[in-house]
N, C-alpha and C. Protein backbone atom coordinates (compact mmCIF):
# COMPACT_ATOMS: atom_id res chain seq x y z
N MET A 1 0.76 -1.42 -0.04
CA MET A 1 -0.19 0.09 0.12
C MET A 1 0.73 1.59 -0.03
N PRO A 2 0.64 2.27 -0.83
CA PRO A 2 1.52 3.16 -1.06
C PRO A 2 1.06 4.28 0.17
N SER A 3 2.31 4.98 0.95
CA SER A 3 2.32 5.66 1.87
C SER A 3 0.80 7.14 1.80
N GLN A 4 0.69 7.10 2.80
CA GLN A 4 -0.50 8.02 3.28
C GLN A 4 0.12 9.36 3.51
N LEU A 5 1.21 9.20 4.00
CA LEU A 5 1.65 10.57 4.54
C LEU A 5 1.63 11.93 3.80
N PRO A 6 1.86 11.47 2.29
CA PRO A 6 2.05 12.86 1.55
C PRO A 6 0.60 13.78 2.05
N LEU A 7 -0.74 12.83 2.36
CA LEU A 7 -2.00 13.51 2.65
C LEU A 7 -1.70 14.71 3.39
N LEU A 8 -1.05 14.42 4.03
CA LEU A 8 -0.71 15.39 5.31
C LEU A 8 -0.60 16.99 4.26
N SER A 9 0.21 16.93 3.64
CA SER A 9 0.58 18.14 2.97
C SER A 9 -0.75 18.95 2.41
N SER A 10 -1.67 18.10 2.39
CA SER A 10 -3.00 19.01 1.59
C SER A 10 -3.22 20.17 2.41
N GLY A 11 -3.15 19.74 4.02
CA GLY A 11 -3.32 20.99 4.67
C GLY A 11 -4.54 20.96 5.38
N ASN A 12 -5.59 20.21 4.79
CA ASN A 12 -6.84 19.91 5.30
C ASN A 12 -7.05 18.55 5.88
N PHE A 13 -6.26 18.23 7.00
CA PHE A 13 -6.40 16.78 7.23
C PHE A 13 -7.49 16.20 8.16
N GLU A 14 -8.25 17.58 8.74
CA GLU A 14 -9.31 17.49 9.51
C GLU A 14 -10.65 16.94 8.23
N GLU A 15 -10.45 17.25 7.15
CA GLU A 15 -11.53 16.88 6.02
C GLU A 15 -11.53 15.88 5.39
N LEU A 16 -10.27 15.04 5.81
CA LEU A 16 -9.97 13.56 5.16
C LEU A 16 -11.04 12.93 5.76
N HIS A 17 -11.60 11.85 4.87
CA HIS A 17 -12.20 10.73 5.62
C HIS A 17 -11.83 10.20 6.98
N SER A 18 -12.51 9.77 8.03
CA SER A 18 -11.94 9.50 9.10
C SER A 18 -11.22 7.91 8.97
N SER A 19 -11.47 6.99 8.16
CA SER A 19 -10.67 5.85 7.44
C SER A 19 -9.36 6.16 7.30
N VAL A 20 -9.24 7.36 6.13
CA VAL A 20 -7.78 7.65 5.49
C VAL A 20 -7.22 8.35 6.90
N GLN A 21 -7.82 9.65 7.83
CA GLN A 21 -7.17 9.80 8.97
C GLN A 21 -6.51 8.70 9.97
N ARG A 22 -7.22 7.72 9.83
CA ARG A 22 -6.89 6.41 10.49
C ARG A 22 -5.57 5.79 10.09
N GLU A 23 -5.48 5.31 8.79
CA GLU A 23 -4.63 5.05 8.15
C GLU A 23 -3.05 6.14 8.06
N ILE A 24 -3.27 7.56 8.15
CA ILE A 24 -2.18 8.40 8.21
C ILE A 24 -1.71 8.07 9.64
N TYR A 25 -2.64 7.99 10.49
CA TYR A 25 -1.96 8.00 11.91
C TYR A 25 -1.01 7.06 12.14
N LYS A 26 -1.72 5.65 11.91
CA LYS A 26 -1.21 4.45 11.82
C LYS A 26 0.24 4.41 11.38
N GLU A 27 0.50 4.75 10.22
CA GLU A 27 1.53 5.11 9.64
C GLU A 27 2.84 6.35 9.86
N TYR A 28 2.14 6.83 10.79
CA TYR A 28 2.75 7.80 11.32
C TYR A 28 3.46 7.35 12.57
N TYR A 29 2.45 6.81 13.33
CA TYR A 29 2.66 6.00 14.41
C TYR A 29 3.87 4.91 14.44
N GLU A 30 4.09 4.36 13.20
CA GLU A 30 5.00 3.27 13.42
C GLU A 30 6.28 3.92 12.85
N LEU A 31 6.34 5.26 12.24
CA LEU A 31 7.49 5.41 11.46
C LEU A 31 7.94 5.95 12.75
N VAL A 32 7.37 6.28 13.87
CA VAL A 32 8.07 7.58 15.13
C VAL A 32 8.02 6.77 16.22
N TYR A 33 7.47 5.52 16.53
CA TYR A 33 7.20 4.61 17.56
C TYR A 33 8.77 4.65 18.17
N GLY A 34 9.33 3.53 17.89
CA GLY A 34 11.03 2.99 18.17
C GLY A 34 11.54 4.02 18.15
N VAL A 35 11.53 5.22 17.23
CA VAL A 35 12.49 6.33 17.77
C VAL A 35 12.38 6.86 19.17
N ILE A 36 10.94 7.24 19.29
CA ILE A 36 11.06 7.96 20.51
C ILE A 36 11.10 7.14 21.75
N TYR A 37 10.72 6.00 21.61
CA TYR A 37 10.89 4.99 22.75
C TYR A 37 12.06 5.00 22.99
N PHE A 38 13.24 4.59 22.30
CA PHE A 38 14.36 4.51 22.07
C PHE A 38 15.10 5.38 23.11
N MET A 39 14.39 6.80 22.86
CA MET A 39 14.96 8.06 23.56
C MET A 39 14.72 8.12 24.96
N VAL A 40 13.07 7.97 25.10
CA VAL A 40 12.94 8.14 26.34
C VAL A 40 12.34 6.59 27.32
N ARG A 41 12.46 5.67 26.79
CA ARG A 41 12.22 4.48 27.58
C ARG A 41 11.27 4.34 28.06
N ASP A 42 10.33 4.73 27.93
CA ASP A 42 9.13 4.70 28.72
C ASP A 42 7.40 4.80 27.69
N HIS A 43 6.85 3.43 27.64
CA HIS A 43 5.50 3.49 26.45
C HIS A 43 4.91 4.70 26.86
N ALA A 44 4.42 5.00 27.87
CA ALA A 44 3.13 6.02 27.99
C ALA A 44 3.83 7.42 27.82
N SER A 45 4.86 7.98 27.95
CA SER A 45 5.34 8.88 27.48
C SER A 45 5.41 9.18 26.03
N THR A 46 6.00 7.59 25.59
CA THR A 46 6.21 7.60 24.12
C THR A 46 4.76 7.80 23.28
N GLU A 47 3.75 7.24 23.81
CA GLU A 47 2.43 7.64 23.32
C GLU A 47 2.01 8.70 23.29
N ASP A 48 2.46 9.75 24.45
CA ASP A 48 1.98 11.01 24.34
C ASP A 48 2.73 11.99 23.68
N LEU A 49 4.09 11.63 23.37
CA LEU A 49 4.72 12.14 22.42
C LEU A 49 4.48 12.08 21.09
N ILE A 50 3.80 10.55 20.82
CA ILE A 50 3.58 10.31 19.77
C ILE A 50 2.11 11.27 19.19
N GLN A 51 1.49 11.41 20.23
CA GLN A 51 0.33 12.13 20.06
C GLN A 51 0.60 13.84 19.85
N ASP A 52 1.38 13.99 20.58
CA ASP A 52 2.05 15.94 20.62
C ASP A 52 2.61 16.08 19.36
N SER A 53 3.39 15.14 18.84
CA SER A 53 4.23 15.36 17.71
C SER A 53 3.09 15.58 16.27
N PHE A 54 2.35 14.45 16.44
CA PHE A 54 1.46 14.52 15.28
C PHE A 54 0.59 15.60 15.41
N LEU A 55 0.25 16.49 16.52
CA LEU A 55 -0.74 17.15 16.28
C LEU A 55 0.23 18.66 15.92
N LYS A 56 1.37 18.31 16.14
CA LYS A 56 2.43 19.46 15.42
C LYS A 56 2.37 19.75 14.36
N VAL A 57 2.87 18.26 13.73
CA VAL A 57 2.71 17.93 12.38
C VAL A 57 1.66 18.61 11.53
N VAL A 58 0.53 18.03 11.92
CA VAL A 58 -0.70 18.36 10.99
C VAL A 58 -0.84 19.66 11.11
N SER A 59 -0.68 20.89 12.08
CA SER A 59 -1.01 22.42 12.51
C SER A 59 0.23 22.77 11.60
N HIS A 60 1.13 22.34 11.59
CA HIS A 60 2.34 23.31 10.88
C HIS A 60 2.87 22.36 9.41
N VAL A 61 2.26 21.59 8.74
CA VAL A 61 3.08 20.81 7.79
C VAL A 61 3.01 21.64 6.39
N PRO A 62 4.49 21.73 6.04
CA PRO A 62 4.52 22.74 5.03
C PRO A 62 4.00 21.88 3.74
N ASP A 63 4.18 22.40 2.77
CA ASP A 63 3.58 21.97 1.40
C ASP A 63 4.88 21.06 0.49
N ILE A 64 5.05 19.89 1.10
CA ILE A 64 6.15 18.92 0.73
C ILE A 64 5.43 18.12 -0.22
N ALA A 65 6.04 18.12 -1.21
CA ALA A 65 5.30 16.57 -2.29
C ALA A 65 6.29 15.63 -2.47
N ASP A 66 7.76 15.72 -1.75
CA ASP A 66 8.41 14.14 -1.69
C ASP A 66 8.27 13.70 -0.67
N ASP A 67 8.24 12.42 -0.60
CA ASP A 67 7.71 11.61 0.84
C ASP A 67 9.11 11.50 1.62
N VAL A 68 10.21 11.84 0.89
CA VAL A 68 11.25 11.35 1.57
C VAL A 68 12.01 12.87 2.48
N LYS A 69 11.43 14.07 1.66
CA LYS A 69 11.56 15.20 2.63
C LYS A 69 10.66 15.44 3.63
N LEU A 70 9.66 14.90 3.56
CA LEU A 70 8.47 15.27 4.33
C LEU A 70 8.68 14.26 5.71
N ARG A 71 8.83 12.59 5.35
CA ARG A 71 9.38 12.17 6.45
C ARG A 71 10.71 12.55 7.16
N SER A 72 11.71 13.80 6.54
CA SER A 72 12.81 14.02 7.35
C SER A 72 12.38 14.88 7.96
N TRP A 73 11.43 15.90 7.57
CA TRP A 73 10.67 17.20 8.26
C TRP A 73 9.74 16.43 9.74
N ILE A 74 9.23 15.48 9.63
CA ILE A 74 8.49 14.87 10.27
C ILE A 74 9.66 14.33 11.61
N ARG A 75 10.64 13.92 11.26
CA ARG A 75 11.54 13.39 12.06
C ARG A 75 12.28 14.57 12.88
N THR A 76 12.24 15.34 12.19
CA THR A 76 12.90 16.70 13.23
C THR A 76 11.63 17.03 13.81
N VAL A 77 10.48 17.31 13.39
CA VAL A 77 9.40 17.75 14.35
C VAL A 77 9.72 16.75 15.60
N VAL A 78 9.39 15.62 15.40
CA VAL A 78 9.50 14.43 16.73
C VAL A 78 10.89 14.67 17.32
N LYS A 79 11.71 14.67 16.53
CA LYS A 79 12.98 14.98 17.93
C LYS A 79 12.92 16.18 18.57
N ASN A 80 12.29 17.34 17.69
CA ASN A 80 12.46 18.52 18.75
C ASN A 80 11.10 18.42 19.69
N THR A 81 10.37 17.71 19.52
CA THR A 81 9.13 17.68 20.78
C THR A 81 9.60 16.38 21.80
N VAL A 82 10.24 15.50 21.21
CA VAL A 82 11.01 14.70 22.31
C VAL A 82 12.24 15.73 23.33
N TYR A 83 13.09 16.17 22.47
CA TYR A 83 13.90 17.36 23.46
C TYR A 83 13.31 18.24 24.46
N SER A 84 12.15 18.90 23.79
CA SER A 84 11.24 19.61 24.37
C SER A 84 10.99 19.08 25.89
N PHE A 85 10.30 17.89 25.65
CA PHE A 85 9.93 17.18 26.83
C PHE A 85 10.99 16.93 27.98
N MET A 86 12.26 16.38 26.95
CA MET A 86 13.16 16.07 28.04
C MET A 86 13.66 17.16 28.93
N ARG A 87 13.79 18.38 28.12
CA ARG A 87 14.15 19.47 28.94
C ARG A 87 13.21 19.72 30.00
N LYS A 88 11.76 19.75 29.73
CA LYS A 88 10.80 19.91 30.81
C LYS A 88 10.64 19.18 32.13
N GLN A 89 11.16 17.77 31.78
CA GLN A 89 11.21 16.71 32.77
C GLN A 89 12.91 16.73 33.19
N LYS A 90 13.12 17.48 34.02
CA LYS A 90 14.79 17.68 34.35
C LYS A 90 14.94 16.54 35.06
N ASN A 91 14.23 16.00 35.70
CA ASN A 91 14.44 14.28 36.52
C ASN A 91 14.64 13.20 35.62
N ARG A 92 14.07 13.50 34.11
CA ARG A 92 14.09 12.61 33.52
C ARG A 92 15.32 12.65 32.54
N ARG A 93 16.39 13.83 32.62
CA ARG A 93 17.21 14.58 31.77
C ARG A 93 18.37 13.08 31.32
N ASN A 94 18.14 12.44 31.84
CA ASN A 94 19.18 11.01 31.71
C ASN A 94 18.69 9.86 31.17
N GLU A 95 17.46 10.04 30.83
CA GLU A 95 16.92 8.93 29.85
C GLU A 95 17.51 8.79 28.22
N THR A 96 17.78 10.12 27.85
CA THR A 96 18.79 9.62 26.53
C THR A 96 20.02 8.65 27.04
N ASP A 97 19.71 7.17 26.78
CA ASP A 97 20.32 6.26 27.34
C ASP A 97 21.58 5.92 26.55
N VAL A 98 22.61 6.68 26.95
CA VAL A 98 23.90 6.48 26.30
C VAL A 98 24.51 5.57 26.37
N ASP A 99 24.23 4.96 27.74
CA ASP A 99 24.99 3.53 28.22
C ASP A 99 24.51 2.38 27.57
N ASN A 100 23.12 2.32 27.15
CA ASN A 100 22.50 1.29 25.88
C ASN A 100 23.21 1.52 24.73
N VAL A 101 23.02 2.68 24.40
CA VAL A 101 23.98 3.14 22.88
C VAL A 101 25.44 2.47 22.78
N LEU A 102 25.89 2.80 23.71
CA LEU A 102 27.37 2.33 24.05
C LEU A 102 27.68 0.81 23.55
N MET A 103 26.14 0.30 24.65
CA MET A 103 26.69 -1.17 24.59
C MET A 103 26.19 -2.31 23.19
N MET A 104 25.22 -0.91 22.42
CA MET A 104 24.31 -2.04 21.35
C MET A 104 25.41 -2.50 20.48
N SER A 105 25.06 -3.58 19.64
CA SER A 105 25.80 -3.78 18.96
C SER A 105 24.94 -3.60 17.27
N ASP A 106 25.77 -3.54 16.26
CA ASP A 106 24.59 -3.60 15.06
C ASP A 106 23.37 -4.38 15.04
N GLN A 107 23.85 -5.76 15.63
CA GLN A 107 22.37 -6.79 15.47
C GLN A 107 21.33 -6.31 16.41
N GLU A 108 21.90 -5.73 17.45
CA GLU A 108 20.79 -5.55 18.55
C GLU A 108 20.24 -4.18 18.26
N ILE A 109 20.57 -3.44 17.67
CA ILE A 109 19.89 -2.25 16.83
C ILE A 109 19.19 -2.41 15.63
N ILE A 110 19.20 -3.67 15.23
CA ILE A 110 18.41 -4.17 13.99
C ILE A 110 17.36 -4.63 14.73
N ARG A 111 17.57 -5.61 16.07
CA ARG A 111 16.48 -6.38 16.42
C ARG A 111 15.48 -5.23 17.41
N SER A 112 15.86 -4.26 17.65
CA SER A 112 15.12 -3.48 18.64
C SER A 112 14.60 -2.35 17.72
N SER A 113 14.53 -2.12 16.42
CA SER A 113 14.03 -1.73 15.55
C SER A 113 12.86 -1.85 15.13
N GLU A 114 11.53 -1.43 14.47
CA GLU A 114 10.66 -1.94 14.25
C GLU A 114 10.38 -1.77 12.49
N SER A 115 11.12 -0.60 11.81
CA SER A 115 10.98 -0.22 10.69
C SER A 115 12.32 -0.12 10.21
N VAL A 116 12.59 -0.04 8.83
CA VAL A 116 14.12 0.51 8.30
C VAL A 116 14.27 1.79 8.65
N GLU A 117 13.49 2.77 8.70
CA GLU A 117 13.68 4.43 9.35
C GLU A 117 14.04 3.91 10.47
N THR A 118 13.38 3.21 11.53
CA THR A 118 13.82 3.50 12.85
C THR A 118 14.91 2.51 13.30
N GLU A 119 15.53 1.49 12.26
CA GLU A 119 16.94 0.95 12.12
C GLU A 119 17.73 2.03 12.01
N ILE A 120 17.72 3.00 11.03
CA ILE A 120 18.64 4.28 10.36
C ILE A 120 18.67 4.93 11.24
N GLU A 121 17.72 5.41 11.84
CA GLU A 121 17.54 6.47 12.75
C GLU A 121 18.37 6.12 14.12
N LEU A 122 18.39 4.55 14.44
CA LEU A 122 19.01 3.89 15.73
C LEU A 122 20.43 3.97 15.25
N LYS A 123 21.00 3.47 13.82
CA LYS A 123 22.45 3.46 13.68
C LYS A 123 22.75 4.83 13.50
N ILE A 124 21.87 6.16 13.27
CA ILE A 124 22.65 7.57 13.02
C ILE A 124 23.24 7.96 14.53
N MET A 125 22.33 7.26 15.21
CA MET A 125 22.12 7.83 16.97
C MET A 125 23.83 7.20 17.41
N SER A 126 23.70 6.07 17.05
CA SER A 126 24.73 5.29 17.45
C SER A 126 25.88 6.11 16.92
N GLU A 127 26.01 5.98 15.81
CA GLU A 127 27.14 6.79 15.04
C GLU A 127 27.70 8.06 15.59
N THR A 128 26.38 8.57 16.28
CA THR A 128 26.77 9.85 16.66
C THR A 128 27.42 10.01 18.14
N VAL A 129 27.07 8.84 19.03
CA VAL A 129 27.37 8.59 20.26
C VAL A 129 29.02 8.44 20.13
N GLY A 130 29.25 7.54 18.83
CA GLY A 130 30.74 7.23 18.71
C GLY A 130 31.39 8.25 18.56
N GLU A 131 31.18 9.27 17.56
CA GLU A 131 31.71 10.54 17.46
C GLU A 131 31.92 11.47 18.65
N CYS A 132 30.79 11.22 19.48
CA CYS A 132 31.59 12.08 20.98
C CYS A 132 31.97 11.35 21.67
N LEU A 133 32.10 9.95 21.68
CA LEU A 133 33.23 9.16 22.59
C LEU A 133 34.35 9.78 21.89
N ARG A 134 34.66 9.65 20.66
CA ARG A 134 36.36 10.14 20.06
C ARG A 134 36.90 11.43 20.48
N GLU A 135 35.91 12.04 20.85
CA GLU A 135 36.04 13.52 21.29
C GLU A 135 36.76 13.75 22.77
N LEU A 136 36.49 12.53 23.37
CA LEU A 136 36.64 12.96 24.85
C LEU A 136 38.04 12.56 25.06
N LYS A 137 38.70 12.70 26.42
CA LYS A 137 39.95 12.87 26.46
C LYS A 137 40.37 11.10 26.56
N PRO A 138 41.65 10.93 26.18
CA PRO A 138 41.97 9.33 25.96
C PRO A 138 41.74 8.33 27.44
N GLU A 139 41.86 9.07 28.51
CA GLU A 139 41.48 8.57 29.96
C GLU A 139 39.93 8.10 29.69
N TYR A 140 39.00 8.99 29.59
CA TYR A 140 37.45 8.62 29.48
C TYR A 140 37.23 7.70 28.53
N GLN A 141 38.14 7.55 27.06
CA GLN A 141 37.66 6.61 26.15
C GLN A 141 38.28 5.48 26.73
N ALA A 142 39.37 5.20 27.73
CA ALA A 142 39.75 3.80 27.81
C ALA A 142 39.03 3.43 28.97
N LEU A 143 38.15 4.10 30.12
CA LEU A 143 37.57 3.93 31.02
C LEU A 143 35.64 3.48 30.37
N ILE A 144 35.62 4.14 29.18
CA ILE A 144 34.30 3.65 28.43
C ILE A 144 34.65 2.38 27.78
N GLU A 145 35.67 2.21 27.24
CA GLU A 145 35.93 0.49 26.60
C GLU A 145 35.86 -0.48 27.65
N LEU A 146 36.89 0.01 28.42
CA LEU A 146 36.64 -1.12 29.47
C LEU A 146 35.56 -1.46 30.47
N ARG A 147 34.74 -0.51 30.54
CA ARG A 147 33.51 -0.80 31.58
C ARG A 147 32.27 -1.22 30.36
N TRP A 148 32.05 -0.69 29.05
CA TRP A 148 31.04 -0.94 28.20
C TRP A 148 31.30 -1.80 27.14
N LYS A 149 32.57 -1.80 26.79
CA LYS A 149 33.06 -2.89 25.43
C LYS A 149 33.64 -4.37 26.10
N ARG A 150 34.40 -4.13 27.02
CA ARG A 150 34.96 -5.30 27.69
C ARG A 150 34.09 -5.69 28.90
N GLU A 151 33.49 -5.17 29.41
CA GLU A 151 32.48 -5.24 30.44
C GLU A 151 33.16 -5.45 31.87
N LEU A 152 33.75 -5.27 32.13
CA LEU A 152 34.74 -5.05 33.41
C LEU A 152 34.09 -4.75 34.55
N SER A 153 34.23 -5.11 35.90
CA SER A 153 33.46 -4.37 36.84
C SER A 153 34.17 -3.25 37.16
N TYR A 154 33.79 -2.63 38.05
CA TYR A 154 34.23 -1.20 38.96
C TYR A 154 35.87 -1.87 39.57
N LYS A 155 35.25 -2.93 40.17
CA LYS A 155 36.69 -3.80 41.04
C LYS A 155 37.55 -4.07 39.91
N GLU A 156 37.63 -4.49 39.06
CA GLU A 156 38.66 -5.25 38.27
C GLU A 156 39.39 -4.01 37.44
N MET A 157 38.34 -2.87 36.97
CA MET A 157 38.81 -1.82 36.59
C MET A 157 39.86 -0.96 37.71
N ALA A 158 39.38 -1.20 38.86
CA ALA A 158 40.19 0.06 39.81
C ALA A 158 41.44 -0.91 39.91
N GLU A 159 41.41 -2.28 40.16
CA GLU A 159 42.43 -3.22 40.00
C GLU A 159 43.50 -3.02 38.81
N MET A 160 42.96 -3.03 37.92
CA MET A 160 43.84 -2.87 36.38
C MET A 160 44.64 -1.82 36.86
N LEU A 161 43.81 -0.52 37.00
CA LEU A 161 44.52 0.83 36.74
C LEU A 161 45.03 1.24 38.43
N ASN A 162 44.95 0.68 39.17
CA ASN A 162 45.83 0.75 40.45
C ASN A 162 45.30 1.65 41.20
N THR A 163 43.94 2.02 41.15
CA THR A 163 43.25 3.19 42.03
C THR A 163 42.03 2.72 42.51
N SER A 164 41.54 3.42 43.20
CA SER A 164 39.96 2.71 44.02
C SER A 164 38.94 3.01 43.04
N GLU A 165 37.87 1.76 43.36
CA GLU A 165 36.66 1.91 42.93
C GLU A 165 35.90 3.20 42.57
N GLU A 166 35.81 3.89 43.83
CA GLU A 166 35.31 5.40 44.05
C GLU A 166 35.65 6.51 43.06
N THR A 167 36.99 6.13 42.73
CA THR A 167 37.42 7.16 41.58
C THR A 167 37.18 6.50 40.16
N ILE A 168 37.12 5.49 39.75
CA ILE A 168 36.55 4.82 38.77
C ILE A 168 35.30 5.46 38.50
N LYS A 169 34.53 5.17 39.46
CA LYS A 169 32.89 5.68 39.34
C LYS A 169 32.79 7.33 39.38
N HIS A 170 33.28 7.69 39.63
CA HIS A 170 33.46 9.27 39.53
C HIS A 170 33.80 9.67 38.12
N LYS A 171 34.69 8.80 37.78
CA LYS A 171 35.93 9.27 36.52
C LYS A 171 34.69 8.87 35.65
N LEU A 172 33.94 7.55 35.69
CA LEU A 172 33.10 7.01 34.63
C LEU A 172 31.55 7.84 34.42
N HIS A 173 31.50 8.30 35.51
CA HIS A 173 30.20 9.06 35.48
C HIS A 173 30.46 10.50 34.90
N ARG A 174 31.86 11.37 35.12
CA ARG A 174 31.91 12.38 34.28
C ARG A 174 32.26 12.36 32.86
N ALA A 175 32.55 10.55 32.09
CA ALA A 175 33.00 10.47 30.99
C ALA A 175 31.41 10.54 30.38
N ARG A 176 30.40 9.71 30.87
CA ARG A 176 29.03 9.38 30.67
C ARG A 176 28.54 10.99 30.20
N GLU A 177 28.63 11.75 31.34
CA GLU A 177 27.93 13.14 31.38
C GLU A 177 28.38 14.05 29.82
N ALA A 178 29.73 13.82 29.85
CA ALA A 178 30.26 14.67 28.62
C ALA A 178 30.04 14.19 27.34
N VAL A 179 30.02 12.65 27.26
CA VAL A 179 29.20 12.06 26.01
C VAL A 179 27.91 12.53 25.92
N ARG A 180 26.80 12.52 26.97
CA ARG A 180 25.30 12.95 26.94
C ARG A 180 25.67 14.52 26.81
N LYS A 181 26.08 15.32 26.88
CA LYS A 181 26.40 16.62 26.76
C LYS A 181 26.42 17.03 25.21
N ARG A 182 27.63 16.35 24.89
CA ARG A 182 27.71 16.54 23.44
C ARG A 182 26.87 16.02 22.70
N PHE A 183 26.17 14.76 22.86
CA PHE A 183 25.19 14.31 22.02
C PHE A 183 23.65 15.22 21.89
N LEU A 184 23.57 15.61 23.32
CA LEU A 184 22.38 16.42 23.28
C LEU A 184 22.56 17.83 22.64
N LYS A 185 23.85 18.22 22.33
CA LYS A 185 24.10 19.49 21.60
C LYS A 185 23.80 19.14 20.26
N ARG A 186 24.17 17.81 19.56
CA ARG A 186 24.16 17.71 18.34
C ARG A 186 22.89 16.96 17.80
N TRP A 187 22.01 16.73 18.71
CA TRP A 187 20.60 15.98 18.84
C TRP A 187 19.72 16.99 19.31
N GLY A 188 19.81 18.14 19.65
CA GLY A 188 18.94 19.20 20.52
C GLY A 188 18.24 19.79 19.45
N GLU A 189 17.33 20.71 20.12
CA GLU A 189 16.34 21.44 19.40
C GLU A 189 17.24 22.82 18.88
N PRO A 190 17.01 22.72 17.15
CA PRO A 190 17.43 24.12 16.88
C PRO A 190 16.57 25.23 17.13
N SER A 191 17.04 26.54 17.18
CA SER A 191 16.12 27.59 17.86
C SER A 191 14.95 28.00 16.87
N ASP A 192 14.76 27.49 15.75
CA ASP A 192 13.79 27.93 15.06
C ASP A 192 12.97 26.89 15.18
N ALA A 193 13.14 25.57 15.88
CA ALA A 193 12.05 24.68 16.29
C ALA A 193 10.83 25.32 16.99
N ARG A 194 11.35 26.50 17.63
CA ARG A 194 10.19 27.06 18.94
C ARG A 194 8.87 26.97 18.24
N ARG A 195 8.78 27.56 16.91
CA ARG A 195 7.51 27.78 16.27
C ARG A 195 6.37 26.22 16.30
N PHE A 196 7.14 25.14 16.88
CA PHE A 196 6.44 23.92 16.73
C PHE A 196 5.91 23.67 18.08
N ARG A 197 6.31 24.37 19.06
CA ARG A 197 5.57 24.21 20.28
C ARG A 197 4.25 24.36 20.49
C-alpha cells in the first residue's frame, strides 16, 4: 500500500475521511514509535509524545510533495518534541540512555527497530555517540572501553588501573556526562523549532 503521509501536505487533515485519517495516523505511529521509545524508554511517555508531535505535524505541515523530504521534516519535529519534553522533565534528563547505545551492537540495533527508518535512525544515533566518544580525552575513552565494551566491573577496573573503585565510578560518571552533553548538543532542538511548540 502506498504511503498516506503525503496527504498531510494537503493542509486539510480534518476534512479527510476518518478511515484515511486512521491510516495516516497508523503510518505515522509506526514511523516514529521506535525512535521515540529508544530516547525516552517509557511506553506511556512515548504514546503521549507521538500524539503531541502528530498534532504539531498536522498543524504546521509545509507543502512538501516529496515523501522522503516530508518524512525527514516529520523526524525533525519529532526529535524537537522529544527534546523539549526532556528539558521540561529535568528528573528524566538522563533518559537519553547513552549507556545502552554504547553497548548496542549493530545486530541489537536491528532487533530493537521496528522499521527500516527506525533502524537507520538508531544507527545514526549510535554513530553520533561514537563521534562524541572520540572527542573525549583518552583517559575517558579508555574507561568507557573497559566498562562497556570489555564489560569489566568497577573492582576489576580499579585493580587494573591501580586506583580505587570510587575514583573509577567518579571518572566514569564524568565521562558519561561528557558524552551525553555532546550528544544532546548535536541532537538538541534548533532555535527555529520553537514555532512547533
